[in-house]
Amino acid sequence: MLSSCLLFFASVAPLALAETTDKPAARSLSLNAPVIDQTNTLNAAELAALEAQLRAIHQAGRGQLAIVLVPSTGNESTFDAALRLAEQWQLGTAQADNGLLIFVAVQDRRVQILTGYGLESVLPDVMTSRIIREEITPAFKEGDYAGGLTAAVNRIDQILQMDPELAKSQALQAQDQAHQAAEDPFASLFGVGIFLLVLGQFLRSLLGRFLSASLIGGLGFFIGYGVVDLSLALSLFLGGFLFVLLLIGTEMDSRRASGRRGRGGVVYGGGSGWSSGGSSGGGYSGGGGGFGGGGASGSW
């Protein structure tokens, strides 16, 4: 009996330990400073400079920004961990909902920007995505975490200092450009596909069925990715689709041809836990701001 109990607890203990190491992450962090670095990535001077920058924005009433660096989020997604912190801390004021969180999981190489409800009109997802892509990711790839975070905060503060109507107009323009960019690849995809299908039909008589399909599939990927500037996923889809379509099409043609011969020429149509930390310097508690998941994520 005793040995059975010991065996049971020995089997359950690792699961319980894993559960406790996966869950407490964001819950154990308290907002005692604008910048909380659990990874010791930032040195004292960098930490002080970033904190001074965020406090100045807060004291000017433009918003309450916070930066968190953790080693990893474990089994929890970066978005979920960041949103849990933002909701727990209630960054920003209850009246303006002007909080913003920059959350970095260093070992996971993931970054998440979350905007409070009140900032979503001037910092929509497309703008925060652009900030990550243009300011944070390039610097992080070079190991310059302080530089990337400083550049991102500068970019955000520039927007927060703009006339609200002008900032909203700029945000709408950025959203329109993003929508157009999302539509253009599909138009390009269709045009390139038609051209290569015609070329594939011509090459079939010269190179044969498999070789012509392989060549057109490769050309589809190369033109899509290197010339038309489609994404890697769309370019791979284009190349694979053309290869399969030409292969199936020529197989059907050969079957129809054999059918015609057999019928006398008749043609038939037919998608770790962290400890609370950071520098202490006067507190930085949230003011009741709300978050709805607006923002963007990225990796490096």
C-alpha atoms as a PDB file:
ATOM      1  CA  MET A   1       0.000   0.000   0.000  1.00  0.00           C
ATOM      2  CA  LEU A   2       2.760   2.425   0.989  1.00  0.00           C
ATOM      3  CA  SER A   3       4.754   1.625  -2.109  1.00  0.00           C
ATOM      4  CA  SER A   4       1.669   2.280  -4.269  1.00  0.00           C
ATOM      5  CA  CYS A   5       1.155   5.696  -2.658  1.00  0.00           C
ATOM      6  CA  LEU A   6       4.800   6.590  -3.133  1.00  0.00           C
ATOM      7  CA  LEU A   7       4.593   5.519  -6.762  1.00  0.00           C
ATOM      8  CA  PHE A   8       1.467   7.644  -7.274  1.00  0.00           C
ATOM      9  CA  PHE A   9       3.026  10.780  -5.766  1.00  0.00           C
ATOM     10  CA  ALA A  10       6.229  10.223  -7.724  1.00  0.00           C
ATOM     11  CA  SER A  11       4.246  10.139 -10.960  1.00  0.00           C
ATOM     12  CA  VAL A  12       2.086  13.159 -10.107  1.00  0.00           C
ATOM     13  CA  ALA A  13       4.806  15.422  -8.699  1.00  0.00           C
ATOM     14  CA  PRO A  14       6.425  16.302 -12.058  1.00  0.00           C
ATOM     15  CA  LEU A  15       3.027  17.247 -13.472  1.00  0.00           C
ATOM     16  CA  ALA A  16       2.238  19.448 -10.507  1.00  0.00           C
ATOM     17  CA  LEU A  17       5.651  21.083 -10.743  1.00  0.00           C
ATOM     18  CA  ALA A  18       5.206  21.741 -14.443  1.00  0.00           C
ATOM     19  CA  GLU A  19       1.786  23.221 -13.783  1.00  0.00           C
ATOM     20  CA  THR A  20       3.147  25.615 -11.161  1.00  0.00           C
ATOM     21  CA  THR A  21       6.070  26.691 -13.336  1.00  0.00           C
ATOM     22  CA  ASP A  22       3.847  27.316 -16.345  1.00  0.00           C
ATOM     23  CA  LYS A  23       1.039  29.243 -14.680  1.00  0.00           C
ATOM     24  CA  PRO A  24       2.294  31.851 -12.192  1.00  0.00           C
ATOM     25  CA  ALA A  25       4.319  33.879 -14.690  1.00  0.00           C
ATOM     26  CA  ALA A  26       2.424  37.121 -15.208  1.00  0.00           C
ATOM     27  CA  ARG A  27       0.576  36.913 -11.909  1.00  0.00           C
ATOM     28  CA  SER A  28       3.803  37.220  -9.888  1.00  0.00           C
ATOM     29  CA  LEU A  29       4.894  40.516 -11.470  1.00  0.00           C
ATOM     30  CA  SER A  30       3.957  43.762  -9.785  1.00  0.00           C
ATOM     31  CA  LEU A  31       4.090  47.166 -11.452  1.00  0.00           C
ATOM     32  CA  ASN A  32       6.632  48.971  -9.293  1.00  0.00           C
ATOM     33  CA  ALA A  33       8.486  50.775 -12.095  1.00  0.00           C
ATOM     34  CA  PRO A  34       7.957  51.761 -15.757  1.00  0.00           C
ATOM     35  CA  VAL A  35      10.524  49.188 -16.912  1.00  0.00           C
ATOM     36  CA  ILE A  36      10.727  45.688 -15.460  1.00  0.00           C
ATOM     37  CA  ASP A  37      13.652  43.643 -16.741  1.00  0.00           C
ATOM     38  CA  GLN A  38      13.652  40.072 -15.449  1.00  0.00           C
ATOM     39  CA  THR A  39      16.451  39.087 -17.822  1.00  0.00           C
ATOM     40  CA  ASN A  40      19.169  41.595 -16.892  1.00  0.00           C
ATOM     41  CA  THR A  41      19.345  42.470 -20.571  1.00  0.00           C
ATOM     42  CA  LEU A  42      19.462  46.212 -19.896  1.00  0.00           C
ATOM     43  CA  ASN A  43      22.309  47.753 -17.933  1.00  0.00           C
ATOM     44  CA  ALA A  44      21.701  50.319 -15.201  1.00  0.00           C
ATOM     45  CA  ALA A  45      22.174  53.326 -17.477  1.00  0.00           C
ATOM     46  CA  GLU A  46      19.861  51.958 -20.174  1.00  0.00           C
ATOM     47  CA  LEU A  47      17.232  51.072 -17.601  1.00  0.00           C
ATOM     48  CA  ALA A  48      17.381  54.535 -16.031  1.00  0.00           C
ATOM     49  CA  ALA A  49      17.149  56.283 -19.411  1.00  0.00           C
ATOM     50  CA  LEU A  50      14.102  54.275 -20.486  1.00  0.00           C
ATOM     51  CA  GLU A  51      12.385  54.782 -17.148  1.00  0.00           C
ATOM     52  CA  ALA A  52      12.964  58.537 -17.308  1.00  0.00           C
ATOM     53  CA  GLN A  53      11.516  58.583 -20.819  1.00  0.00           C
ATOM     54  CA  LEU A  54       8.368  56.701 -19.787  1.00  0.00           C
ATOM     55  CA  ARG A  55       7.862  58.752 -16.635  1.00  0.00           C
ATOM     56  CA  ALA A  56       8.097  61.968 -18.649  1.00  0.00           C
ATOM     57  CA  ILE A  57       5.363  60.748 -21.013  1.00  0.00           C
ATOM     58  CA  HIS A  58       3.207  59.760 -18.055  1.00  0.00           C
ATOM     59  CA  GLN A  59       3.708  63.023 -16.165  1.00  0.00           C
ATOM     60  CA  ALA A  60       2.843  65.006 -19.291  1.00  0.00           C
ATOM     61  CA  GLY A  61      -0.491  63.177 -19.444  1.00  0.00           C
ATOM     62  CA  ARG A  62       0.110  61.651 -22.858  1.00  0.00           C
ATOM     63  CA  GLY A  63      -0.239  58.065 -21.659  1.00  0.00           C
ATOM     64  CA  GLN A  64       1.124  55.454 -19.300  1.00  0.00           C
ATOM     65  CA  LEU A  65       3.629  53.178 -21.008  1.00  0.00           C
ATOM     66  CA  ALA A  66       5.379  50.192 -19.461  1.00  0.00           C
ATOM     67  CA  ILE A  67       8.094  47.862 -20.731  1.00  0.00           C
ATOM     68  CA  VAL A  68       8.531  44.297 -19.503  1.00  0.00           C
ATOM     69  CA  LEU A  69      11.328  41.891 -20.413  1.00  0.00           C
ATOM     70  CA  VAL A  70      10.983  38.271 -19.302  1.00  0.00           C
ATOM     71  CA  PRO A  71      13.048  35.200 -20.186  1.00  0.00           C
ATOM     72  CA  SER A  72      10.149  33.170 -21.615  1.00  0.00           C
ATOM     73  CA  THR A  73       6.395  32.738 -21.382  1.00  0.00           C
ATOM     74  CA  GLY A  74       6.673  28.946 -21.367  1.00  0.00           C
ATOM     75  CA  ASN A  75       3.532  27.276 -22.678  1.00  0.00           C
ATOM     76  CA  GLU A  76       1.592  30.536 -22.607  1.00  0.00           C
ATOM     77  CA  SER A  77       1.478  32.659 -25.749  1.00  0.00           C
ATOM     78  CA  THR A  78       3.203  36.034 -25.672  1.00  0.00           C
ATOM     79  CA  PHE A  79      -0.113  37.748 -26.381  1.00  0.00           C
ATOM     80  CA  ASP A  80      -1.919  36.014 -23.516  1.00  0.00           C
ATOM     81  CA  ALA A  81       0.861  36.755 -21.044  1.00  0.00           C
ATOM     82  CA  ALA A  82       1.046  40.405 -22.099  1.00  0.00           C
ATOM     83  CA  LEU A  83      -2.723  40.902 -22.031  1.00  0.00           C
ATOM     84  CA  ARG A  84      -2.952  39.346 -18.586  1.00  0.00           C
ATOM     85  CA  LEU A  85      -0.365  41.795 -17.279  1.00  0.00           C
ATOM     86  CA  ALA A  86      -1.994  44.775 -18.978  1.00  0.00           C
ATOM     87  CA  GLU A  87      -5.386  43.898 -17.530  1.00  0.00           C
ATOM     88  CA  GLN A  88      -3.905  43.210 -14.103  1.00  0.00           C
ATOM     89  CA  TRP A  89      -1.961  46.479 -13.984  1.00  0.00           C
ATOM     90  CA  GLN A  90      -4.696  48.637 -15.598  1.00  0.00           C
ATOM     91  CA  LEU A  91      -2.185  50.922 -17.298  1.00  0.00           C
ATOM     92  CA  GLY A  92      -3.537  54.368 -18.177  1.00  0.00           C
ATOM     93  CA  THR A  93      -6.441  56.231 -16.664  1.00  0.00           C
ATOM     94  CA  ALA A  94     -10.009  55.012 -16.415  1.00  0.00           C
ATOM     95  CA  GLN A  95     -11.171  58.128 -18.281  1.00  0.00           C
ATOM     96  CA  ALA A  96      -8.718  57.992 -21.211  1.00  0.00           C
ATOM     97  CA  ASP A  97      -7.728  54.294 -21.337  1.00  0.00           C
ATOM     98  CA  ASN A  98      -4.337  55.522 -22.548  1.00  0.00           C
ATOM     99  CA  GLY A  99      -2.125  52.669 -21.394  1.00  0.00           C
ATOM    100  CA  LEU A 100       0.424  50.836 -23.536  1.00  0.00           C
ATOM    101  CA  LEU A 101       2.560  47.794 -22.790  1.00  0.00           C
ATOM    102  CA  ILE A 102       5.674  46.647 -24.643  1.00  0.00           C
ATOM    103  CA  PHE A 103       6.228  43.025 -23.647  1.00  0.00           C
ATOM    104  CA  VAL A 104       9.415  41.174 -24.652  1.00  0.00           C
ATOM    105  CA  ALA A 105      10.078  37.445 -24.175  1.00  0.00           C
ATOM    106  CA  VAL A 106      13.824  37.390 -24.806  1.00  0.00           C
ATOM    107  CA  GLN A 107      14.475  33.650 -25.072  1.00  0.00           C
ATOM    108  CA  ASP A 108      11.339  33.180 -27.167  1.00  0.00           C
ATOM    109  CA  ARG A 109      12.458  36.072 -29.402  1.00  0.00           C
ATOM    110  CA  ARG A 110       8.936  37.471 -29.348  1.00  0.00           C
ATOM    111  CA  VAL A 111       7.639  40.994 -28.739  1.00  0.00           C
ATOM    112  CA  GLN A 112       4.083  42.207 -28.179  1.00  0.00           C
ATOM    113  CA  ILE A 113       2.741  45.758 -28.085  1.00  0.00           C
ATOM    114  CA  LEU A 114      -0.672  46.175 -26.460  1.00  0.00           C
ATOM    115  CA  THR A 115      -2.612  49.438 -26.656  1.00  0.00           C
ATOM    116  CA  GLY A 116      -5.382  50.583 -24.344  1.00  0.00           C
ATOM    117  CA  TYR A 117      -8.828  51.295 -25.738  1.00  0.00           C
ATOM    118  CA  GLY A 118      -8.159  55.027 -25.867  1.00  0.00           C
ATOM    119  CA  LEU A 119      -5.013  54.684 -27.986  1.00  0.00           C
ATOM    120  CA  GLU A 120      -6.390  52.299 -30.592  1.00  0.00           C
ATOM    121  CA  SER A 121      -7.629  55.150 -32.799  1.00  0.00           C
ATOM    122  CA  VAL A 122      -4.185  56.796 -33.058  1.00  0.00           C
ATOM    123  CA  LEU A 123      -2.098  53.622 -32.685  1.00  0.00           C
ATOM    124  CA  PRO A 124      -4.064  50.949 -34.570  1.00  0.00           C
ATOM    125  CA  ASP A 125      -2.683  47.483 -35.146  1.00  0.00           C
ATOM    126  CA  VAL A 126      -1.070  48.465 -38.436  1.00  0.00           C
ATOM    127  CA  MET A 127       0.871  51.286 -36.748  1.00  0.00           C
ATOM    128  CA  THR A 128       2.123  49.167 -33.854  1.00  0.00           C
ATOM    129  CA  SER A 129       3.080  46.442 -36.324  1.00  0.00           C
ATOM    130  CA  ARG A 130       5.066  48.989 -38.306  1.00  0.00           C
ATOM    131  CA  ILE A 131       6.817  50.199 -35.144  1.00  0.00           C
ATOM    132  CA  ILE A 132       7.825  46.632 -34.307  1.00  0.00           C
ATOM    133  CA  ARG A 133       8.976  45.962 -37.851  1.00  0.00           C
ATOM    134  CA  GLU A 134      10.859  49.224 -38.381  1.00  0.00           C
ATOM    135  CA  GLU A 135      12.168  50.108 -34.915  1.00  0.00           C
ATOM    136  CA  ILE A 136      12.261  47.076 -32.633  1.00  0.00           C
ATOM    137  CA  THR A 137      13.053  44.057 -34.798  1.00  0.00           C
ATOM    138  CA  PRO A 138      16.127  45.437 -36.634  1.00  0.00           C
ATOM    139  CA  ALA A 139      17.739  46.570 -33.376  1.00  0.00           C
ATOM    140  CA  PHE A 140      16.899  43.351 -31.529  1.00  0.00           C
ATOM    141  CA  LYS A 141      18.479  41.295 -34.312  1.00  0.00           C
ATOM    142  CA  GLU A 142      21.710  43.190 -33.634  1.00  0.00           C
ATOM    143  CA  GLY A 143      21.394  42.606 -29.902  1.00  0.00           C
ATOM    144  CA  ASP A 144      20.607  46.275 -29.235  1.00  0.00           C
ATOM    145  CA  TYR A 145      17.575  45.888 -26.986  1.00  0.00           C
ATOM    146  CA  ALA A 146      17.865  49.324 -25.392  1.00  0.00           C
ATOM    147  CA  GLY A 147      18.169  50.969 -28.808  1.00  0.00           C
ATOM    148  CA  GLY A 148      15.133  49.169 -30.185  1.00  0.00           C
ATOM    149  CA  LEU A 149      12.980  49.957 -27.170  1.00  0.00           C
ATOM    150  CA  THR A 150      14.091  53.595 -27.102  1.00  0.00           C
ATOM    151  CA  ALA A 151      13.345  54.017 -30.807  1.00  0.00           C
ATOM    152  CA  ALA A 152       9.917  52.428 -30.357  1.00  0.00           C
ATOM    153  CA  VAL A 153       9.055  54.690 -27.421  1.00  0.00           C
ATOM    154  CA  ASN A 154      10.233  57.744 -29.376  1.00  0.00           C
ATOM    155  CA  ARG A 155       8.033  56.765 -32.307  1.00  0.00           C
ATOM    156  CA  ILE A 156       5.034  56.191 -30.042  1.00  0.00           C
ATOM    157  CA  ASP A 157       5.575  59.473 -28.209  1.00  0.00           C
ATOM    158  CA  GLN A 158       5.765  61.386 -31.496  1.00  0.00           C
ATOM    159  CA  ILE A 159       2.293  60.105 -32.324  1.00  0.00           C
ATOM    160  CA  LEU A 160       0.973  60.865 -28.839  1.00  0.00           C
ATOM    161  CA  GLN A 161       2.214  64.458 -29.135  1.00  0.00           C
ATOM    162  CA  MET A 162       0.401  65.027 -32.421  1.00  0.00           C
ATOM    163  CA  ASP A 163      -2.944  66.761 -32.692  1.00  0.00           C
ATOM    164  CA  PRO A 164      -5.462  63.959 -32.000  1.00  0.00           C
ATOM    165  CA  GLU A 165      -7.369  64.520 -35.238  1.00  0.00           C
ATOM    166  CA  LEU A 166      -4.158  64.549 -37.264  1.00  0.00           C
ATOM    167  CA  ALA A 167      -2.973  61.389 -35.524  1.00  0.00           C
ATOM    168  CA  LYS A 168      -6.294  59.669 -36.283  1.00  0.00           C
ATOM    169  CA  SER A 169      -6.076  60.773 -39.916  1.00  0.00           C
ATOM    170  CA  GLN A 170      -2.553  59.378 -40.158  1.00  0.00           C
ATOM    171  CA  ALA A 171      -3.697  56.119 -38.588  1.00  0.00           C
ATOM    172  CA  LEU A 172      -6.581  55.790 -41.059  1.00  0.00           C
ATOM    173  CA  GLN A 173      -4.209  56.442 -43.947  1.00  0.00           C
ATOM    174  CA  ALA A 174      -1.868  53.726 -42.679  1.00  0.00           C
ATOM    175  CA  GLN A 175      -4.805  51.316 -42.406  1.00  0.00           C
ATOM    176  CA  ASP A 176      -5.905  52.098 -45.972  1.00  0.00           C
ATOM    177  CA  GLN A 177      -2.381  51.484 -47.244  1.00  0.00           C
ATOM    178  CA  ALA A 178      -2.265  48.177 -45.388  1.00  0.00           C
ATOM    179  CA  HIS A 179      -5.597  47.094 -46.896  1.00  0.00           C
ATOM    180  CA  GLN A 180      -4.417  47.994 -50.395  1.00  0.00           C
ATOM    181  CA  ALA A 181      -1.165  46.119 -49.839  1.00  0.00           C
ATOM    182  CA  ALA A 182      -3.146  43.085 -48.686  1.00  0.00           C
ATOM    183  CA  GLU A 183      -5.286  43.166 -51.838  1.00  0.00           C
ATOM    184  CA  ASP A 184      -2.482  43.825 -54.341  1.00  0.00           C
ATOM    185  CA  PRO A 185      -0.662  40.491 -53.805  1.00  0.00           C
ATOM    186  CA  PHE A 186      -3.764  38.545 -54.812  1.00  0.00           C
ATOM    187  CA  ALA A 187      -4.096  40.555 -58.019  1.00  0.00           C
ATOM    188  CA  SER A 188      -0.416  39.948 -58.721  1.00  0.00           C
ATOM    189  CA  LEU A 189      -0.845  36.289 -57.824  1.00  0.00           C
ATOM    190  CA  PHE A 190      -3.628  35.894 -60.394  1.00  0.00           C
ATOM    191  CA  GLY A 191      -1.723  37.689 -63.157  1.00  0.00           C
ATOM    192  CA  VAL A 192       1.493  35.738 -62.647  1.00  0.00           C
ATOM    193  CA  GLY A 193      -0.447  32.470 -62.426  1.00  0.00           C
ATOM    194  CA  ILE A 194      -2.235  32.982 -65.762  1.00  0.00           C
ATOM    195  CA  PHE A 195       1.002  33.904 -67.535  1.00  0.00           C
ATOM    196  CA  LEU A 196       2.853  30.874 -66.213  1.00  0.00           C
ATOM    197  CA  LEU A 197      -0.002  28.487 -67.017  1.00  0.00           C
ATOM    198  CA  VAL A 198       0.096  29.583 -70.654  1.00  0.00           C
ATOM    199  CA  LEU A 199       3.877  29.234 -70.676  1.00  0.00           C
ATOM    200  CA  GLY A 200       3.580  25.785 -69.088  1.00  0.00           C
ATOM    201  CA  GLN A 201       1.243  24.576 -71.829  1.00  0.00           C
ATOM    202  CA  PHE A 202       3.787  25.684 -74.421  1.00  0.00           C
ATOM    203  CA  LEU A 203       6.760  24.073 -72.637  1.00  0.00           C
ATOM    204  CA  ARG A 204       4.937  20.781 -72.177  1.00  0.00           C
ATOM    205  CA  SER A 205       5.405  19.851 -75.819  1.00  0.00           C
ATOM    206  CA  LEU A 206       9.133  20.612 -75.580  1.00  0.00           C
ATOM    207  CA  LEU A 207      10.088  19.291 -72.137  1.00  0.00           C
ATOM    208  CA  GLY A 208       7.408  16.790 -71.228  1.00  0.00           C
ATOM    209  CA  ARG A 209       4.774  16.772 -68.512  1.00  0.00           C
ATOM    210  CA  PHE A 210       6.776  16.479 -65.265  1.00  0.00           C
ATOM    211  CA  LEU A 211       9.738  18.648 -66.250  1.00  0.00           C
ATOM    212  CA  SER A 212       7.566  21.479 -67.570  1.00  0.00           C
ATOM    213  CA  ALA A 213       5.386  21.408 -64.420  1.00  0.00           C
ATOM    214  CA  SER A 214       8.493  21.459 -62.203  1.00  0.00           C
ATOM    215  CA  LEU A 215      10.016  24.349 -64.138  1.00  0.00           C
ATOM    216  CA  ILE A 216       6.830  26.424 -64.038  1.00  0.00           C
ATOM    217  CA  GLY A 217       6.374  25.716 -60.321  1.00  0.00           C
ATOM    218  CA  GLY A 218       9.912  26.907 -59.640  1.00  0.00           C
ATOM    219  CA  LEU A 219       9.420  29.970 -61.834  1.00  0.00           C
ATOM    220  CA  GLY A 220       6.187  30.742 -60.021  1.00  0.00           C
ATOM    221  CA  PHE A 221       7.976  30.784 -56.680  1.00  0.00           C
ATOM    222  CA  PHE A 222      10.922  32.808 -58.006  1.00  0.00           C
ATOM    223  CA  ILE A 223       8.776  35.438 -59.736  1.00  0.00           C
ATOM    224  CA  GLY A 224       6.357  35.674 -56.826  1.00  0.00           C
ATOM    225  CA  TYR A 225       9.021  36.035 -54.144  1.00  0.00           C
ATOM    226  CA  GLY A 226      11.817  37.797 -55.988  1.00  0.00           C
ATOM    227  CA  VAL A 227      10.050  39.940 -58.597  1.00  0.00           C
ATOM    228  CA  VAL A 228       6.450  40.645 -57.571  1.00  0.00           C
ATOM    229  CA  ASP A 229       7.517  40.738 -53.879  1.00  0.00           C
ATOM    230  CA  LEU A 230       4.853  38.366 -52.607  1.00  0.00           C
ATOM    231  CA  SER A 231       5.293  36.876 -49.148  1.00  0.00           C
ATOM    232  CA  LEU A 232       7.177  33.600 -48.783  1.00  0.00           C
ATOM    233  CA  ALA A 233       3.956  31.729 -47.999  1.00  0.00           C
ATOM    234  CA  LEU A 234       2.110  33.112 -51.037  1.00  0.00           C
ATOM    235  CA  SER A 235       5.100  32.418 -53.285  1.00  0.00           C
ATOM    236  CA  LEU A 236       5.311  28.811 -52.095  1.00  0.00           C
ATOM    237  CA  PHE A 237       1.567  28.424 -52.602  1.00  0.00           C
ATOM    238  CA  LEU A 238       1.832  29.850 -56.132  1.00  0.00           C
ATOM    239  CA  GLY A 239       4.685  27.529 -57.101  1.00  0.00           C
ATOM    240  CA  GLY A 240       3.037  24.442 -55.625  1.00  0.00           C
ATOM    241  CA  PHE A 241      -0.366  25.257 -57.094  1.00  0.00           C
ATOM    242  CA  LEU A 242       1.055  25.729 -60.600  1.00  0.00           C
ATOM    243  CA  PHE A 243       3.047  22.498 -60.375  1.00  0.00           C
ATOM    244  CA  VAL A 244       0.027  20.440 -59.298  1.00  0.00           C
ATOM    245  CA  LEU A 245      -2.331  22.140 -61.746  1.00  0.00           C
ATOM    246  CA  LEU A 246      -0.048  21.574 -64.722  1.00  0.00           C
ATOM    247  CA  LEU A 247       0.656  18.011 -63.664  1.00  0.00           C
ATOM    248  CA  ILE A 248      -3.045  17.183 -63.260  1.00  0.00           C
ATOM    249  CA  GLY A 249      -4.022  19.122 -66.363  1.00  0.00           C
ATOM    250  CA  THR A 250      -1.559  17.372 -68.602  1.00  0.00           C
ATOM    251  CA  GLU A 251      -2.533  14.002 -67.141  1.00  0.00           C
ATOM    252  CA  MET A 252      -6.185  14.720 -67.936  1.00  0.00           C
ATOM    253  CA  ASP A 253      -5.213  15.859 -71.423  1.00  0.00           C
ATOM    254  CA  SER A 254      -3.348  12.616 -72.032  1.00  0.00           C
ATOM    255  CA  ARG A 255      -6.320  10.588 -70.809  1.00  0.00           C
ATOM    256  CA  ARG A 256      -8.676  12.542 -73.049  1.00  0.00           C
ATOM    257  CA  ALA A 257      -6.326  11.977 -75.949  1.00  0.00           C
ATOM    258  CA  SER A 258      -6.236   8.234 -75.320  1.00  0.00           C
ATOM    259  CA  GLY A 259     -10.026   8.280 -74.991  1.00  0.00           C
ATOM    260  CA  ARG A 260     -10.350   9.979 -78.323  1.00  0.00           C
ATOM    261  CA  ARG A 261      -8.099   7.427 -79.909  1.00  0.00           C
ATOM    262  CA  GLY A 262     -10.117   4.569 -78.416  1.00  0.00           C
ATOM    263  CA  ARG A 263     -13.423   6.085 -79.514  1.00  0.00           C
ATOM    264  CA  GLY A 264     -12.514   6.605 -83.152  1.00  0.00           C
ATOM    265  CA  GLY A 265     -11.787  10.311 -82.888  1.00  0.00           C
ATOM    266  CA  VAL A 266     -15.009  11.409 -81.170  1.00  0.00           C
ATOM    267  CA  VAL A 267     -14.289  14.393 -78.860  1.00  0.00           C
ATOM    268  CA  TYR A 268     -16.147  14.559 -75.572  1.00  0.00           C
ATOM    269  CA  GLY A 269     -16.178  17.852 -73.713  1.00  0.00           C
ATOM    270  CA  GLY A 270     -16.316  17.828 -70.623  1.00  0.00           C
ATOM    271  CA  GLY A 271      -3.674  29.603 -40.645  1.00  0.00           C
ATOM    272  CA  SER A 272       8.802  29.765 -16.687  1.00  0.00           C
ATOM    273  CA  GLY A 273       7.814  31.636 -14.023  1.00  0.00           C
ATOM    274  CA  TRP A 274       9.124  35.146 -13.248  1.00  0.00           C
ATOM    275  CA  SER A 275       9.782  36.888  -9.971  1.00  0.00           C
ATOM    276  CA  SER A 276       8.610  40.403  -9.343  1.00  0.00           C
ATOM    277  CA  GLY A 277      11.392  42.848 -10.042  1.00  0.00           C
ATOM    278  CA  GLY A 278      12.617  46.026 -11.659  1.00  0.00           C
ATOM    279  CA  SER A 279      14.094  49.171 -10.261  1.00  0.00           C
ATOM    280  CA  SER A 280      12.276  50.987  -7.534  1.00  0.00           C
ATOM    281  CA  GLY A 281      11.710  54.674  -7.989  1.00  0.00           C
ATOM    282  CA  GLY A 282       8.529  56.220  -6.758  1.00  0.00           C
ATOM    283  CA  GLY A 283       6.019  53.632  -7.908  1.00  0.00           C
ATOM    284  CA  TYR A 284       4.177  53.462 -11.183  1.00  0.00           C
ATOM    285  CA  SER A 285       0.764  51.984 -10.452  1.00  0.00           C
ATOM    286  CA  GLY A 286      -1.933  51.878 -13.108  1.00  0.00           C
ATOM    287  CA  GLY A 287      -4.926  54.177 -13.041  1.00  0.00           C
ATOM    288  CA  GLY A 288      -7.757  51.915 -14.162  1.00  0.00           C
ATOM    289  CA  GLY A 289      -7.132  51.778 -17.914  1.00  0.00           C
ATOM    290  CA  GLY A 290      -8.733  49.062 -20.022  1.00  0.00           C
ATOM    291  CA  PHE A 291      -7.346  46.843 -22.782  1.00  0.00           C
ATOM    292  CA  GLY A 292      -9.147  44.907 -25.478  1.00  0.00           C
ATOM    293  CA  GLY A 293      -6.272  43.174 -27.245  1.00  0.00           C
ATOM    294  CA  GLY A 294      -5.364  45.939 -29.698  1.00  0.00           C
ATOM    295  CA  GLY A 295      -1.767  46.066 -30.859  1.00  0.00           C
ATOM    296  CA  ALA A 296       0.652  43.833 -32.711  1.00  0.00           C
ATOM    297  CA  SER A 297       3.292  41.162 -32.228  1.00  0.00           C
ATOM    298  CA  GLY A 298       6.560  40.313 -33.894  1.00  0.00           C
ATOM    299  CA  SER A 299       9.672  38.169 -33.698  1.00  0.00           C
ATOM    300  CA  TRP A 300      13.355  38.514 -34.490  1.00  0.00           C
END
